[in-house]
Protein backbone atom coordinates (compact mmCIF):
# COMPACT_ATOMS: atom_id res chain seq x y z
CA MET A 1 16.07 9.64 127.47
CA LYS A 2 13.14 7.31 127.35
CA ALA A 3 10.17 8.57 125.40
CA LYS A 4 7.00 8.42 127.47
CA SER A 5 4.80 7.28 124.62
CA TRP A 6 5.14 5.93 121.11
CA MET A 7 2.66 8.52 119.93
CA GLY A 8 3.92 11.47 121.89
CA VAL A 9 6.76 13.85 121.32
CA GLY A 10 9.88 12.10 122.55
CA LEU A 11 12.81 13.68 124.24
CA ALA A 12 15.00 13.73 121.17
CA VAL A 13 17.63 15.73 119.41
CA THR A 14 16.27 17.15 116.19
CA LEU A 15 18.41 17.10 113.07
CA LEU A 16 20.37 20.30 112.70
CA SER A 17 19.30 20.82 109.11
CA THR A 18 15.63 20.93 110.03
CA VAL A 19 15.49 22.32 113.54
CA GLY A 20 14.40 25.88 113.78
CA LEU A 21 11.66 28.26 114.52
CA VAL A 22 8.69 26.48 113.00
CA GLY A 23 5.55 28.25 111.84
CA CYS A 24 4.33 30.70 109.27
CA GLY A 25 5.49 34.29 109.30
CA ASN A 26 8.08 35.90 111.53
CA SER A 27 9.49 34.48 114.73
CA SER A 28 8.75 35.97 118.10
CA THR A 29 11.78 38.21 117.89
CA ASP A 30 10.02 40.09 115.08
CA SER A 31 6.65 40.18 116.80
CA LYS A 32 5.05 43.41 117.87
CA SER A 33 4.93 43.49 121.63
CA GLY A 34 1.69 45.40 121.37
CA SER A 35 -0.22 42.54 119.74
CA SER A 36 -3.88 42.38 120.70
CA ASP A 37 -3.88 38.58 120.50
CA GLU A 38 -4.44 36.71 123.72
CA GLN A 39 -1.13 35.05 124.56
CA THR A 40 -2.58 31.64 125.35
CA LEU A 41 -1.35 28.35 123.88
CA SER A 42 -3.13 24.99 123.98
CA LEU A 43 -1.06 21.82 123.53
CA HIS A 44 -1.24 18.13 124.39
CA LEU A 45 0.87 15.69 126.37
CA PRO A 46 0.98 11.97 125.53
CA GLY A 47 0.79 10.95 129.18
CA GLU A 48 1.07 11.94 132.82
CA PRO A 49 4.38 13.54 133.89
CA SER A 50 6.00 11.26 136.44
CA THR A 51 7.55 14.08 138.50
CA LEU A 52 8.70 17.70 138.50
CA ASP A 53 11.78 16.76 140.55
CA SER A 54 14.69 17.42 138.19
CA SER A 55 16.89 14.93 140.08
CA LYS A 56 14.44 12.08 139.58
CA THR A 57 12.98 12.70 136.14
CA THR A 58 13.84 10.24 133.38
CA ASP A 59 11.03 10.43 130.84
CA SER A 60 10.39 12.84 128.00
CA THR A 61 7.02 14.10 129.22
CA SER A 62 8.33 15.16 132.62
CA ASN A 63 11.37 16.77 131.06
CA LEU A 64 9.22 18.67 128.59
CA VAL A 65 7.39 20.30 131.47
CA ILE A 66 10.46 20.76 133.69
CA GLY A 67 12.46 22.16 130.79
CA ASN A 68 9.96 24.97 130.28
CA VAL A 69 9.55 25.91 133.95
CA GLY A 70 13.21 25.62 134.91
CA GLU A 71 16.54 26.78 133.55
CA GLY A 72 20.11 25.59 133.85
CA LEU A 73 23.37 27.44 133.65
CA THR A 74 22.95 27.36 129.87
CA ARG A 75 20.14 27.05 127.36
CA VAL A 76 20.46 25.44 123.93
CA ASP A 77 19.58 27.38 120.80
CA LYS A 78 17.89 26.04 117.67
CA ASP A 79 21.22 24.55 116.53
CA GLY A 80 21.82 22.74 119.80
CA LYS A 81 24.59 25.09 120.88
CA ALA A 82 24.93 26.29 124.45
CA GLN A 83 23.88 29.87 125.12
CA PRO A 84 23.79 31.78 128.42
CA GLY A 85 20.99 30.79 130.77
CA VAL A 86 21.21 31.47 134.49
CA ALA A 87 24.94 31.88 133.85
CA LYS A 88 25.68 35.09 131.96
CA GLU A 89 29.24 33.99 131.14
CA TRP A 90 31.86 31.35 131.94
CA GLU A 91 35.52 30.46 131.60
CA ILE A 92 37.02 27.08 130.73
CA SER A 93 40.55 26.12 131.76
CA GLN A 94 43.10 25.28 129.08
CA ASP A 95 42.99 21.57 129.94
CA GLY A 96 39.19 21.55 129.54
CA LEU A 97 38.60 20.35 133.10
CA THR A 98 37.62 23.43 135.11
CA TYR A 99 34.53 25.52 134.35
CA THR A 100 33.80 28.74 136.20
CA PHE A 101 30.25 30.03 135.77
CA HIS A 102 29.13 33.56 136.65
CA LEU A 103 25.42 33.79 137.46
CA ARG A 104 23.11 36.66 136.61
CA ASP A 105 22.38 39.10 139.40
CA ASN A 106 18.68 39.16 138.48
CA ALA A 107 18.12 35.38 138.30
CA LYS A 108 15.22 34.63 140.64
CA TRP A 109 12.89 31.85 141.72
CA SER A 110 9.15 32.13 141.19
CA ASP A 111 8.80 33.05 144.88
CA GLY A 112 10.99 36.11 144.31
CA SER A 113 14.13 34.83 146.05
CA ASN A 114 17.52 34.85 144.33
CA VAL A 115 18.86 31.87 142.39
CA THR A 116 22.35 31.27 143.76
CA ALA A 117 25.39 29.18 143.00
CA GLN A 118 24.57 27.26 146.16
CA ASP A 119 21.28 26.17 144.56
CA PHE A 120 23.24 24.52 141.76
CA GLU A 121 25.77 22.93 144.10
CA TYR A 122 22.97 21.55 146.28
CA ALA A 123 20.98 20.19 143.32
CA TRP A 124 23.92 18.47 141.63
CA LYS A 125 25.07 16.86 144.86
CA ARG A 126 21.51 15.79 145.65
CA THR A 127 21.37 14.08 142.25
CA LEU A 128 24.63 12.28 143.02
CA ASP A 129 23.60 11.31 146.55
CA PRO A 130 22.90 7.55 146.50
CA LYS A 131 19.95 8.19 148.83
CA THR A 132 18.23 10.12 146.03
CA ALA A 133 18.51 7.10 143.71
CA SER A 134 18.59 9.30 140.62
CA GLN A 135 18.75 7.27 137.42
CA TYR A 136 20.51 10.17 135.75
CA SER A 137 23.21 10.51 138.39
CA PHE A 138 25.72 9.03 135.94
CA MET A 139 25.69 12.31 133.97
CA ALA A 140 26.87 14.24 137.02
CA ALA A 141 29.30 11.45 137.97
CA TRP A 142 31.73 12.92 135.43
CA ILE A 143 32.41 15.68 137.95
CA LYS A 144 35.55 14.98 139.95
CA GLY A 145 34.59 13.00 143.04
CA GLY A 146 31.07 12.44 141.70
CA GLN A 147 31.38 8.74 140.99
CA ALA A 148 32.90 8.03 144.40
CA PHE A 149 30.09 9.87 146.19
CA ASN A 150 27.41 8.25 144.05
CA THR A 151 28.71 4.76 144.81
CA GLY A 152 29.15 5.35 148.54
CA LYS A 153 32.93 5.52 148.38
CA GLY A 154 33.25 9.24 148.92
CA SER A 155 31.49 12.22 150.46
CA ALA A 156 29.56 15.19 149.12
CA ASP A 157 32.39 17.49 150.21
CA GLN A 158 34.73 15.69 147.82
CA VAL A 159 32.54 16.43 144.79
CA ALA A 160 34.21 19.21 142.79
CA VAL A 161 31.21 21.48 142.31
CA LYS A 162 31.64 24.49 144.60
CA ALA A 163 29.81 27.75 145.09
CA LYS A 164 32.70 30.21 145.43
CA ASP A 165 30.14 32.87 146.34
CA ASP A 166 26.45 33.48 145.65
CA LYS A 167 27.06 34.14 141.97
CA THR A 168 30.11 32.04 141.11
CA LEU A 169 30.09 28.28 140.57
CA GLU A 170 33.24 26.26 139.91
CA VAL A 171 33.07 22.75 138.44
CA VAL A 172 36.01 20.39 137.88
CA LEU A 173 35.55 17.36 135.61
CA GLU A 174 37.37 14.03 135.77
CA SER A 175 38.16 14.25 132.04
CA PRO A 176 37.31 16.70 129.24
CA ARG A 177 33.72 16.58 127.98
CA PRO A 178 33.28 18.40 124.65
CA TYR A 179 29.52 18.54 125.20
CA PHE A 180 29.49 19.56 128.87
CA LEU A 181 28.18 23.09 128.28
CA ALA A 182 25.20 21.77 126.33
CA GLN A 183 24.59 19.25 129.10
CA THR A 184 24.21 22.00 131.69
CA ALA A 185 21.01 22.95 129.84
CA PHE A 186 19.60 19.49 130.60
CA PRO A 187 17.04 19.32 133.47
CA ILE A 188 19.21 17.04 135.61
CA PHE A 189 21.55 20.05 136.00
CA PHE A 190 18.86 22.56 136.97
CA PRO A 191 19.13 24.29 140.37
CA GLN A 192 17.00 23.35 143.36
CA LYS A 193 16.09 25.41 146.40
CA LYS A 194 17.21 23.45 149.45
CA GLU A 195 14.58 24.86 151.82
CA VAL A 196 11.77 23.82 149.47
CA VAL A 197 13.17 20.33 148.87
CA GLU A 198 13.57 19.69 152.59
CA LYS A 199 10.17 21.17 153.47
CA GLN A 200 8.33 19.04 150.90
CA GLY A 201 10.30 15.85 151.47
CA ASP A 202 8.91 12.93 149.46
CA LYS A 203 6.23 15.23 148.03
CA PHE A 204 8.79 17.47 146.30
CA GLY A 205 7.91 17.78 142.61
CA GLY A 206 4.71 15.78 143.01
CA ASP A 207 2.31 18.69 142.50
CA ALA A 208 2.31 22.23 141.16
CA ASP A 209 2.75 23.75 144.63
CA LYS A 210 5.40 21.28 145.80
CA THR A 211 8.33 23.06 144.14
CA VAL A 212 9.46 26.48 142.88
CA TYR A 213 10.47 27.48 139.37
CA ASN A 214 13.28 29.54 137.85
CA GLY A 215 12.37 29.30 134.16
CA PRO A 216 10.17 31.33 131.80
CA PHE A 217 7.01 29.68 133.15
CA LYS A 218 5.65 28.17 136.35
CA VAL A 219 3.18 25.33 136.88
CA THR A 220 0.02 26.73 138.45
CA GLU A 221 -2.30 23.73 138.00
CA TRP A 222 -1.66 20.02 137.63
CA SER A 223 -4.81 17.93 137.35
CA HIS A 224 -3.29 14.48 137.38
CA GLU A 225 -3.97 12.36 134.30
CA GLN A 226 -5.88 15.31 132.80
CA SER A 227 -3.88 18.50 132.27
CA VAL A 228 -0.97 20.74 133.25
CA LYS A 229 -1.28 24.53 133.19
CA LEU A 230 1.64 26.97 133.00
CA GLU A 231 1.64 30.70 133.56
CA LYS A 232 4.34 33.21 132.76
CA ASN A 233 6.90 33.51 135.56
CA GLU A 234 7.00 37.24 136.26
CA ASN A 235 10.16 36.78 138.33
CA TYR A 236 12.12 35.18 135.47
CA TRP A 237 15.24 37.23 134.65
CA ASP A 238 14.26 37.56 130.97
CA GLN A 239 10.50 37.84 131.46
CA GLU A 240 10.30 40.85 129.13
CA ASN A 241 11.02 38.54 126.20
CA VAL A 242 8.47 35.90 127.21
CA LYS A 243 5.26 36.61 125.33
CA LEU A 244 2.95 33.75 126.32
CA GLN A 245 0.85 34.32 129.43
CA THR A 246 -0.58 30.81 129.76
CA VAL A 247 0.10 27.36 128.33
CA THR A 248 -2.30 24.46 128.84
CA TRP A 249 -1.24 20.90 128.13
CA THR A 250 -4.14 18.46 127.91
CA ILE A 251 -3.23 14.81 128.40
CA VAL A 252 -4.55 12.97 125.34
CA LYS A 253 -3.52 9.45 124.31
CA ASP A 254 -5.83 8.89 121.33
CA SER A 255 -4.89 10.42 117.96
CA SER A 256 -8.52 10.80 116.87
CA ALA A 257 -9.30 12.69 120.06
CA MET A 258 -6.33 14.97 119.39
CA GLU A 259 -7.56 15.67 115.88
CA ASN A 260 -11.05 16.45 117.12
CA LEU A 261 -9.65 18.88 119.68
CA TYR A 262 -7.52 20.54 117.00
CA GLU A 263 -10.35 20.83 114.49
CA SER A 264 -12.67 22.24 117.14
CA GLY A 265 -10.10 24.90 118.04
CA GLN A 266 -9.16 23.45 121.43
CA LEU A 267 -5.56 22.61 120.44
CA ASP A 268 -3.07 24.83 118.64
CA ARG A 269 -0.71 22.01 117.73
CA PHE A 270 -0.72 18.22 117.74
CA THR A 271 1.42 15.36 116.51
CA ILE A 272 -0.29 13.23 113.90
CA VAL A 273 -0.17 9.56 113.03
CA ARG A 274 -0.46 7.36 109.96
CA ASP A 275 -4.00 7.93 108.65
CA GLN A 276 -3.97 11.60 109.53
CA VAL A 277 -0.91 12.34 107.39
CA GLU A 278 -2.92 12.02 104.17
CA ARG A 279 -5.46 14.54 105.44
CA TYR A 280 -2.93 17.15 106.47
CA LYS A 281 0.20 16.72 104.35
CA ASP A 282 -0.82 19.33 101.75
CA LYS A 283 -1.92 21.91 104.29
CA PRO A 284 0.36 24.84 105.22
CA GLU A 285 0.27 23.99 108.93
CA TYR A 286 1.81 20.54 108.30
CA SER A 287 5.50 19.81 108.88
CA VAL A 288 7.73 16.83 109.66
CA VAL A 289 10.40 17.06 112.35
CA PRO A 290 13.16 14.42 112.06
CA GLU A 291 14.51 13.47 115.48
CA LEU A 292 17.54 11.85 116.99
CA THR A 293 15.36 9.13 118.46
CA ASN A 294 15.60 5.40 117.91
CA ALA A 295 12.91 2.77 118.46
CA TYR A 296 13.92 -0.78 119.27
CA ILE A 297 12.85 -4.06 120.82
CA GLN A 298 14.25 -4.69 124.28
CA PHE A 299 15.01 -8.30 125.21
CA ASN A 300 15.24 -8.99 128.93
CA GLN A 301 18.29 -11.25 129.16
CA ASN A 302 17.18 -12.57 132.52
CA ASN A 303 14.83 -14.74 130.46
CA LYS A 304 16.43 -18.05 129.43
CA ALA A 305 15.39 -17.80 125.79
CA LEU A 306 16.19 -14.11 125.39
CA ALA A 307 19.63 -14.60 126.92
CA ASN A 308 20.58 -16.36 123.66
CA VAL A 309 21.99 -14.01 121.00
CA LYS A 310 20.67 -16.08 118.08
CA ILE A 311 17.12 -15.90 119.41
CA ARG A 312 17.48 -12.12 119.80
CA GLN A 313 18.80 -11.92 116.23
CA ALA A 314 15.90 -14.02 114.95
CA LEU A 315 13.32 -11.79 116.61
CA THR A 316 15.03 -8.71 115.14
CA TYR A 317 15.53 -9.96 111.59
CA ALA A 318 11.99 -11.35 111.38
CA VAL A 319 10.55 -7.83 111.59
CA ASP A 320 10.13 -6.04 108.26
CA SER A 321 11.08 -2.58 109.48
CA LYS A 322 10.50 -0.97 106.08
CA GLN A 323 6.93 -2.19 106.09
CA TYR A 324 6.62 -0.92 109.65
CA VAL A 325 7.70 2.65 108.83
CA ASP A 326 5.76 2.74 105.55
CA VAL A 327 2.50 1.18 106.74
CA ILE A 328 2.22 1.48 110.52
CA LEU A 329 3.91 4.87 110.89
CA ASN A 330 3.82 6.60 107.49
CA ASN A 331 5.34 9.66 109.12
CA GLY A 332 8.77 10.15 107.56
CA SER A 333 10.60 7.84 109.96
CA GLN A 334 13.32 5.61 108.49
CA GLU A 335 14.17 2.00 109.18
CA ALA A 336 17.09 1.62 111.57
CA ASN A 337 20.38 0.18 110.39
CA GLY A 338 22.15 0.54 113.73
CA PHE A 339 21.52 1.77 117.25
CA VAL A 340 22.76 5.38 116.98
CA PRO A 341 20.32 7.35 114.78
CA THR A 342 21.11 9.27 111.65
CA GLY A 343 22.13 12.85 112.41
CA VAL A 344 24.19 12.29 115.55
CA SER A 345 27.48 14.16 115.35
CA ASN A 346 30.76 12.29 114.95
CA GLY A 347 32.63 15.15 116.60
CA GLN A 348 34.29 16.07 113.31
CA GLY A 349 31.40 17.81 111.60
CA GLY A 350 30.05 14.57 110.12
CA ASP A 351 27.39 11.95 110.81
CA PHE A 352 28.20 9.04 113.13
CA ARG A 353 25.59 6.77 111.51
CA LYS A 354 26.98 7.35 108.03
CA ASP A 355 30.50 6.52 109.19
CA SER A 356 29.49 3.49 111.25
CA GLY A 357 27.46 2.02 108.41
CA ASP A 358 24.75 -0.63 108.23
CA LEU A 359 25.13 -2.91 111.24
CA VAL A 360 21.79 -4.70 110.84
CA ASN A 361 21.82 -5.72 107.15
CA ARG A 362 18.19 -6.84 107.17
CA LYS A 363 18.07 -7.69 103.48
CA ASP A 364 20.54 -10.54 103.84
CA ASN A 365 19.61 -11.58 107.37
CA ALA A 366 15.80 -11.79 107.12
CA ALA A 367 15.97 -15.17 105.39
CA LYS A 368 18.13 -16.50 108.22
CA ALA A 369 15.69 -15.63 111.01
CA LYS A 370 13.95 -19.01 111.22
CA ASP A 371 17.23 -20.94 111.18
CA LEU A 372 18.67 -18.64 113.85
CA LEU A 373 15.65 -19.28 116.04
CA ALA A 374 16.04 -23.05 115.73
CA GLU A 375 19.77 -22.86 116.48
CA GLY A 376 19.19 -20.54 119.42
CA LEU A 377 16.53 -22.74 120.98
CA LYS A 378 18.85 -25.73 120.73
CA GLU A 379 21.73 -23.81 122.32
CA ALA A 380 19.42 -22.63 125.12
CA GLY A 381 18.24 -26.18 125.77
CA LEU A 382 14.65 -25.40 124.81
CA SER A 383 12.46 -27.74 122.77
CA SER A 384 10.14 -24.92 121.68
CA PHE A 385 9.75 -21.17 121.93
CA PRO A 386 8.42 -20.31 125.41
CA ALA A 387 5.30 -18.28 126.15
CA LEU A 388 6.43 -14.66 126.26
CA LYS A 389 4.66 -11.34 126.74
CA LEU A 390 5.24 -8.15 124.77
CA LEU A 391 4.78 -5.17 127.11
CA SER A 392 3.13 -2.19 125.41
CA ASP A 393 1.68 1.24 126.07
CA ASP A 394 -2.09 1.57 125.92
CA SER A 395 -2.00 4.31 123.27
CA GLU A 396 -3.50 3.74 119.85
CA THR A 397 -0.17 3.75 118.01
CA ALA A 398 1.49 1.49 120.56
CA LYS A 399 -1.29 -1.06 120.23
CA LYS A 400 -1.00 -1.08 116.44
CA SER A 401 2.77 -1.42 116.70
CA SER A 402 2.50 -4.34 119.10
CA GLU A 403 0.03 -6.11 116.85
CA PHE A 404 2.42 -5.62 113.94
CA LEU A 405 5.32 -7.21 115.84
CA LYS A 406 3.13 -10.08 117.01
CA GLU A 407 2.02 -10.80 113.44
CA GLN A 408 5.55 -10.51 112.03
CA TRP A 409 6.84 -13.08 114.50
CA ARG A 410 3.89 -15.39 113.85
CA GLN A 411 4.28 -15.10 110.09
CA HIS A 412 8.06 -15.37 109.81
CA LEU A 413 8.98 -17.49 112.84
CA GLY A 414 5.80 -19.41 113.57
CA ILE A 415 5.69 -18.22 117.18
CA ASP A 416 3.03 -16.47 119.21
CA VAL A 417 3.51 -13.81 121.87
CA GLU A 418 0.93 -12.27 124.17
CA ILE A 419 0.50 -8.48 124.18
CA GLU A 420 0.18 -6.78 127.56
CA SER A 421 -1.02 -3.16 127.26
CA VAL A 422 -0.57 -0.82 130.23
CA PRO A 423 -0.49 2.97 130.75
CA SER A 424 2.82 4.50 129.67
CA LYS A 425 3.73 5.49 133.23
CA LEU A 426 3.37 1.89 134.40
CA ARG A 427 5.25 0.56 131.38
CA PHE A 428 8.10 2.88 132.18
CA GLN A 429 8.15 1.82 135.85
CA ARG A 430 8.19 -1.84 134.90
CA GLN A 431 11.11 -1.31 132.56
CA GLN A 432 13.05 0.31 135.38
CA LYS A 433 12.38 -2.76 137.53
CA HIS A 434 13.26 -5.16 134.66
CA ASP A 435 9.71 -6.47 134.98
CA PHE A 436 9.14 -7.46 131.36
CA GLU A 437 10.21 -9.99 128.74
CA LEU A 438 9.83 -8.08 125.49
CA VAL A 439 9.06 -4.39 125.09
CA MET A 440 9.37 -1.85 122.31
CA SER A 441 11.07 1.26 123.58
CA LEU A 442 12.38 4.59 122.35
CA TRP A 443 15.41 6.60 123.32
CA GLY A 444 16.02 10.22 122.42
CA ALA A 445 19.36 11.97 122.65
CA ASP A 446 20.12 13.97 125.77
CA TYR A 447 22.94 15.74 123.92
CA ASN A 448 24.38 15.56 120.41
CA ASP A 449 26.95 12.82 120.82
CA PRO A 450 26.77 9.03 120.29
CA MET A 451 27.66 8.51 123.95
CA THR A 452 24.10 9.46 124.92
CA PHE A 453 22.93 6.24 123.22
CA LEU A 454 25.85 3.94 123.90
CA ASP A 455 26.63 4.43 127.59
CA MET A 456 23.18 3.16 128.59
CA TYR A 457 24.38 -0.44 128.11
CA THR A 458 27.36 -0.50 130.40
CA SER A 459 27.06 -3.05 133.19
CA THR A 460 26.39 -0.36 135.81
CA SER A 461 24.08 1.92 133.81
CA PRO A 462 20.70 2.53 135.49
CA PHE A 463 19.13 2.45 132.02
CA ASN A 464 20.44 -1.02 131.21
CA ASP A 465 16.94 -2.48 131.48
CA VAL A 466 17.93 -5.71 129.71
CA SER A 467 20.69 -6.80 132.15
CA TYR A 468 23.39 -6.85 129.45
CA LYS A 469 26.89 -7.40 130.81
CA ASN A 470 29.98 -7.44 128.61
CA PRO A 471 33.37 -6.41 130.08
CA LYS A 472 34.68 -5.59 126.60
CA TYR A 473 31.80 -3.19 126.02
CA ASP A 474 32.39 -1.55 129.40
CA GLU A 475 36.05 -1.15 128.51
CA LEU A 476 35.27 0.54 125.18
CA ILE A 477 32.91 3.05 126.80
CA GLN A 478 35.38 3.76 129.59
CA SER A 479 38.18 4.28 127.06
CA ALA A 480 36.01 6.70 125.09
CA ASN A 481 35.21 8.62 128.27
CA GLN A 482 38.89 9.03 129.08
CA GLU A 483 40.22 9.70 125.57
CA PRO A 484 41.00 13.40 124.92
CA ASP A 485 41.66 12.92 121.19
CA SER A 486 38.37 13.30 119.30
CA LYS A 487 39.16 10.85 116.47
CA LYS A 488 40.44 8.14 118.81
CA ARG A 489 37.47 8.67 121.11
CA MET A 490 35.05 8.26 118.22
CA GLN A 491 36.74 5.02 117.13
CA TYR A 492 36.05 3.55 120.56
CA LEU A 493 32.39 4.47 120.07
CA TYR A 494 32.25 2.95 116.58
CA ASP A 495 33.66 -0.26 118.03
CA ALA A 496 31.20 -0.15 120.93
CA GLU A 497 28.19 0.13 118.63
CA LYS A 498 29.46 -2.73 116.46
CA LEU A 499 29.76 -4.92 119.55
CA LEU A 500 26.31 -3.86 120.76
CA MET A 501 24.80 -4.92 117.44
CA ALA A 502 26.85 -8.12 117.18
CA ASP A 503 25.39 -9.11 120.56
CA MET A 504 21.97 -7.85 119.38
CA VAL A 505 21.39 -6.32 122.78
CA GLU A 506 18.44 -4.46 121.26
CA GLY A 507 16.55 -5.04 118.03
CA PRO A 508 16.63 -1.73 116.08
CA ILE A 509 13.39 -0.93 114.26
CA TYR A 510 13.33 2.72 113.18
CA PHE A 511 14.72 6.23 113.59
CA ARG A 512 11.80 8.50 114.35
CA SER A 513 10.41 11.58 112.67
CA THR A 514 7.36 13.36 114.01
CA PRO A 515 4.76 14.91 111.70
CA MET A 516 2.76 17.70 113.25
CA VAL A 517 0.22 20.37 112.43
CA MET A 518 0.31 23.78 114.07
CA ARG A 519 -1.72 26.93 113.71
CA GLY A 520 -0.19 29.61 111.53
CA TYR A 521 -0.60 32.16 114.30
CA VAL A 522 1.83 30.27 116.56
CA LYS A 523 5.17 32.03 116.03
CA GLY A 524 8.66 31.35 117.34
CA TRP A 525 8.29 27.61 117.84
CA GLN A 526 11.67 26.03 118.57
CA ASN A 527 12.39 22.32 118.41
CA ASN A 528 15.32 21.47 120.65
CA MET A 529 18.26 19.11 120.46
CA SER A 530 17.70 17.95 124.01
CA ALA A 531 15.25 18.35 126.85
CA PRO A 532 12.85 19.97 126.59
CA THR A 533 11.82 18.60 123.21
CA TYR A 534 10.57 22.06 122.38
CA ASP A 535 11.19 25.42 123.99
CA LEU A 536 8.24 27.75 124.58
CA LYS A 537 10.23 30.76 125.77
CA HIS A 538 10.07 32.61 122.45
CA VAL A 539 6.63 31.46 121.31
CA SER A 540 3.95 34.08 120.73
CA ILE A 541 0.45 34.26 119.27
CA GLU A 542 0.30 36.66 116.33
CA GLY A 543 -2.57 37.20 113.92
CA LYS A 544 -5.13 34.93 115.55
CA ASN A 545 -7.76 37.65 115.85
């Protein structure tokens, strides 16, 4: 999942060893329901949510909001494991293909109507419908008949997600997916109310009153480019355990502005950047959250120069990623030695990154960068490096990062690139349209498996922004998708990542950690392994007054 901003909280899986209920004192489960504290929380967003339509969302900011106002068949706990959500229980067939979900009788929408199995069937098929043009349809394409419908070769009736009755949903997969239950907690699998979608048409999800909500909260105000306000959803099936009454997200792009808001009592939590770490690192409200998020340079291979692998390698090796994480970030992030971040499961209780090893080898390759550039230019038939633009967000951290890359390339390769800073929403749209040459991007895990990083570079992936096409790579990903044996499946993924790095499809820079400060009276904070980045359901305010 693309992170909306370099500064903001990305949609990322947090390392199991550090994820939990963050904050001083007891979690919300130990809180006294009779607390006199006002249950109001003030947070920030790094940018404008692009939509509240769960079929069309792709960025971390939108999913953060959607994930707290909606709910899937399951929810994920602090360890990333699937727990009952709208579904109170389920059965899985012996072959791992058929899932039967039983919905709660008291699951309701914010308008008081019942959440039904038909709402899930409708939403999933709407996501798969080619007319919807959902970039995340590939996740639902694993359902039997899903791929055929999504590519116009089949019908909705042939998709094997069926409401057997109002409270029973049956799903049949094409092949076993060990992480499918956790995926049903992801916003793309949330239910949708057909009458509301059809009534709102193109406006669905575009404003607070253009959708309905089935999660712990509902959006009551959305002042575009300024703020988003949530209120407790009194019709939520588990509303008795939701303590917060209101949540206000203020859209703030500048780290100094965030700090001022925090110090003046207008924010209860904010993510901090380089210079702020020194001021807060010894304070009790400070913590660092490692993520399953990678940051990397994207090279649009439609460009003649960037289509050459040696030029892509030169641009990657010329960047001192250790200096980047130590000087520009200074936030606990680590330099990347592959595409899949540290902490992603290998399916056997281990770490995929540790097993796959160092696929970048910067120490040995940095000295080769200038020679690789010269060789690449010659192979591409270019007499000199062309004028290229580096697309960037307009946030403070993004600007500093872009300047760092520009200087690294000037210093180590003798080339100059132009920086083009735009709002994060526009940057994201341009990436979708392949309207860029160079851009630094981030991707956070949608579920705890290397496939969430690797399948984005198949030839047909809607997230293949760089136009990479390699039949061998497609074959490895397809083989992994069809392989029931966990060890054999993982070997296909190891091989796929090695090929991805050999082709230097992306230039890995760092694996992200996010330092933050949060008031001690905020209890029950849960960092998630997938969207939403954090879960506000169990948060409460205790001891503020």
